[in-house]
Amino acid sequence: MGTGTWGINKTVGWAWDLSNFNFLQFILYPIYLVVYGILCLFKVRTNYWLTIIHFGLILYSLFSFMNSDFSLIPFFLTILSFIIFLINTIYSIKFKLKKTSLKSEKP
């Protein structure tokens, strides 16, 4: 994927080139799954359009990461995806808390 083998002018073993490996994506994907799973367990509805945009950005950043050579575009798409994820999560939790407080105020 982002690794390449290099061994120029070396007599022993191989060296691994990780210059095009985006660690940020592979750290954030499990975080997305865990947080969306927790929101699902607590029956918190997320914004439909923000979720669609977030999923699309994840896919686009993954495919652009696989097809790019030393480009910063996947990195910026991953950061934008994380920002939309945070907005979606905060908006959903705030809406759920507002909704539950309105239910408790009704006689």
C-alpha atoms as a PDB file:
ATOM      1  CA  MET A   1       0.000   0.000   0.000  1.00  0.00           C
ATOM      2  CA  GLY A   2       2.312   2.743   1.168  1.00  0.00           C
ATOM      3  CA  THR A   3       5.385   0.668   1.826  1.00  0.00           C
ATOM      4  CA  GLY A   4       8.154   0.041  -0.602  1.00  0.00           C
ATOM      5  CA  THR A   5      11.282  -2.043  -0.393  1.00  0.00           C
ATOM      6  CA  TRP A   6      14.637  -0.451  -0.752  1.00  0.00           C
ATOM      7  CA  GLY A   7      17.997  -2.007  -0.376  1.00  0.00           C
ATOM      8  CA  ILE A   8      20.343   0.090  -2.446  1.00  0.00           C
ATOM      9  CA  ASN A   9      24.017  -0.439  -1.648  1.00  0.00           C
ATOM     10  CA  LYS A  10      23.281  -2.537   1.404  1.00  0.00           C
ATOM     11  CA  THR A  11      24.800  -5.916   1.875  1.00  0.00           C
ATOM     12  CA  VAL A  12      22.550  -7.184   4.662  1.00  0.00           C
ATOM     13  CA  GLY A  13      18.747  -7.313   4.671  1.00  0.00           C
ATOM     14  CA  TRP A  14      16.122  -4.978   3.319  1.00  0.00           C
ATOM     15  CA  ALA A  15      15.040  -1.540   4.369  1.00  0.00           C
ATOM     16  CA  TRP A  16      11.380  -0.504   4.440  1.00  0.00           C
ATOM     17  CA  ASP A  17      10.302   2.856   3.107  1.00  0.00           C
ATOM     18  CA  LEU A  18       7.288   4.263   4.988  1.00  0.00           C
ATOM     19  CA  SER A  19       7.300   7.743   3.487  1.00  0.00           C
ATOM     20  CA  ASN A  20       3.930   7.324   1.774  1.00  0.00           C
ATOM     21  CA  PHE A  21       2.161   5.563   4.639  1.00  0.00           C
ATOM     22  CA  ASN A  22      -0.692   7.507   6.225  1.00  0.00           C
ATOM     23  CA  PHE A  23      -0.869   6.310   9.830  1.00  0.00           C
ATOM     24  CA  LEU A  24      -3.603   8.821  10.646  1.00  0.00           C
ATOM     25  CA  GLN A  25      -6.194   6.968   8.592  1.00  0.00           C
ATOM     26  CA  PHE A  26      -5.585   3.651  10.286  1.00  0.00           C
ATOM     27  CA  ILE A  27      -5.767   5.234  13.733  1.00  0.00           C
ATOM     28  CA  LEU A  28      -9.002   7.100  13.017  1.00  0.00           C
ATOM     29  CA  TYR A  29     -11.000   4.297  11.367  1.00  0.00           C
ATOM     30  CA  PRO A  30     -11.353   2.237  14.574  1.00  0.00           C
ATOM     31  CA  ILE A  31     -12.213   5.422  16.473  1.00  0.00           C
ATOM     32  CA  TYR A  32     -15.015   6.128  13.990  1.00  0.00           C
ATOM     33  CA  LEU A  33     -16.388   2.612  14.420  1.00  0.00           C
ATOM     34  CA  VAL A  34     -16.287   2.719  18.220  1.00  0.00           C
ATOM     35  CA  VAL A  35     -17.914   6.154  18.528  1.00  0.00           C
ATOM     36  CA  TYR A  36     -20.643   5.414  15.968  1.00  0.00           C
ATOM     37  CA  GLY A  37     -21.231   2.100  17.772  1.00  0.00           C
ATOM     38  CA  ILE A  38     -21.615   3.885  21.115  1.00  0.00           C
ATOM     39  CA  LEU A  39     -24.014   6.379  19.542  1.00  0.00           C
ATOM     40  CA  CYS A  40     -26.005   3.462  18.143  1.00  0.00           C
ATOM     41  CA  LEU A  41     -26.138   1.723  21.544  1.00  0.00           C
ATOM     42  CA  PHE A  42     -27.531   4.862  23.170  1.00  0.00           C
ATOM     43  CA  LYS A  43     -29.950   5.325  20.244  1.00  0.00           C
ATOM     44  CA  VAL A  44     -28.575   8.721  19.306  1.00  0.00           C
ATOM     45  CA  ARG A  45     -29.590   9.691  15.790  1.00  0.00           C
ATOM     46  CA  THR A  46     -26.861  11.262  13.741  1.00  0.00           C
ATOM     47  CA  ASN A  47     -27.434  13.828  11.030  1.00  0.00           C
ATOM     48  CA  TYR A  48     -28.106  11.904   7.818  1.00  0.00           C
ATOM     49  CA  TRP A  49     -26.321  14.271   5.434  1.00  0.00           C
ATOM     50  CA  LEU A  50     -23.265  14.743   7.636  1.00  0.00           C
ATOM     51  CA  THR A  51     -22.972  10.959   7.923  1.00  0.00           C
ATOM     52  CA  ILE A  52     -23.207  10.532   4.138  1.00  0.00           C
ATOM     53  CA  ILE A  53     -20.571  13.262   3.595  1.00  0.00           C
ATOM     54  CA  HIS A  54     -18.323  11.701   6.235  1.00  0.00           C
ATOM     55  CA  PHE A  55     -18.606   8.225   4.704  1.00  0.00           C
ATOM     56  CA  GLY A  56     -17.928   9.621   1.237  1.00  0.00           C
ATOM     57  CA  LEU A  57     -14.839  11.464   2.460  1.00  0.00           C
ATOM     58  CA  ILE A  58     -13.546   8.310   4.127  1.00  0.00           C
ATOM     59  CA  LEU A  59     -13.921   6.340   0.918  1.00  0.00           C
ATOM     60  CA  TYR A  60     -12.464   9.089  -1.253  1.00  0.00           C
ATOM     61  CA  SER A  61      -9.473   9.610   1.039  1.00  0.00           C
ATOM     62  CA  LEU A  62      -8.840   5.860   1.137  1.00  0.00           C
ATOM     63  CA  PHE A  63      -8.947   5.518  -2.650  1.00  0.00           C
ATOM     64  CA  SER A  64      -6.875   8.643  -3.218  1.00  0.00           C
ATOM     65  CA  PHE A  65      -4.365   7.342  -0.671  1.00  0.00           C
ATOM     66  CA  MET A  66      -4.049   4.078  -2.578  1.00  0.00           C
ATOM     67  CA  ASN A  67      -3.591   5.804  -5.936  1.00  0.00           C
ATOM     68  CA  SER A  68      -1.364   8.754  -5.049  1.00  0.00           C
ATOM     69  CA  ASP A  69       2.386   9.017  -4.942  1.00  0.00           C
ATOM     70  CA  PHE A  70       3.695  11.280  -2.178  1.00  0.00           C
ATOM     71  CA  SER A  71       0.627  13.511  -2.178  1.00  0.00           C
ATOM     72  CA  LEU A  72      -0.831  15.468   0.727  1.00  0.00           C
ATOM     73  CA  ILE A  73      -4.390  15.247  -0.608  1.00  0.00           C
ATOM     74  CA  PRO A  74      -5.286  12.067   1.344  1.00  0.00           C
ATOM     75  CA  PHE A  75      -3.880  13.622   4.513  1.00  0.00           C
ATOM     76  CA  PHE A  76      -6.043  16.735   4.148  1.00  0.00           C
ATOM     77  CA  LEU A  77      -9.079  14.622   3.257  1.00  0.00           C
ATOM     78  CA  THR A  78      -8.531  12.578   6.419  1.00  0.00           C
ATOM     79  CA  ILE A  79      -8.335  15.744   8.519  1.00  0.00           C
ATOM     80  CA  LEU A  80     -11.511  17.099   6.867  1.00  0.00           C
ATOM     81  CA  SER A  81     -13.217  13.761   7.477  1.00  0.00           C
ATOM     82  CA  PHE A  82     -12.285  13.918  11.168  1.00  0.00           C
ATOM     83  CA  ILE A  83     -13.629  17.478  11.471  1.00  0.00           C
ATOM     84  CA  ILE A  84     -16.958  16.454   9.915  1.00  0.00           C
ATOM     85  CA  PHE A  85     -17.021  13.431  12.239  1.00  0.00           C
ATOM     86  CA  LEU A  86     -16.585  15.704  15.268  1.00  0.00           C
ATOM     87  CA  ILE A  87     -19.287  18.105  14.058  1.00  0.00           C
ATOM     88  CA  ASN A  88     -21.686  15.214  13.446  1.00  0.00           C
ATOM     89  CA  THR A  89     -21.004  13.627  16.841  1.00  0.00           C
ATOM     90  CA  ILE A  90     -21.280  16.862  18.822  1.00  0.00           C
ATOM     91  CA  TYR A  91     -24.431  17.898  16.956  1.00  0.00           C
ATOM     92  CA  SER A  92     -26.043  14.502  17.579  1.00  0.00           C
ATOM     93  CA  ILE A  93     -25.231  14.453  21.289  1.00  0.00           C
ATOM     94  CA  LYS A  94     -26.379  18.056  21.742  1.00  0.00           C
ATOM     95  CA  PHE A  95     -29.643  17.300  19.922  1.00  0.00           C
ATOM     96  CA  LYS A  96     -30.208  14.172  22.067  1.00  0.00           C
ATOM     97  CA  LEU A  97     -29.590  16.088  25.303  1.00  0.00           C
ATOM     98  CA  LYS A  98     -31.886  18.904  24.185  1.00  0.00           C
ATOM     99  CA  LYS A  99     -34.583  16.406  23.248  1.00  0.00           C
ATOM    100  CA  THR A 100     -34.374  14.570  26.594  1.00  0.00           C
ATOM    101  CA  SER A 101     -34.456  17.823  28.564  1.00  0.00           C
ATOM    102  CA  LEU A 102     -37.605  18.889  26.713  1.00  0.00           C
ATOM    103  CA  LYS A 103     -39.245  15.556  27.552  1.00  0.00           C
ATOM    104  CA  SER A 104     -38.456  15.904  31.253  1.00  0.00           C
ATOM    105  CA  GLU A 105     -39.887  19.443  31.396  1.00  0.00           C
ATOM    106  CA  LYS A 106     -43.308  18.413  30.059  1.00  0.00           C
ATOM    107  CA  PRO A 107     -45.928  17.769  32.763  1.00  0.00           C
END
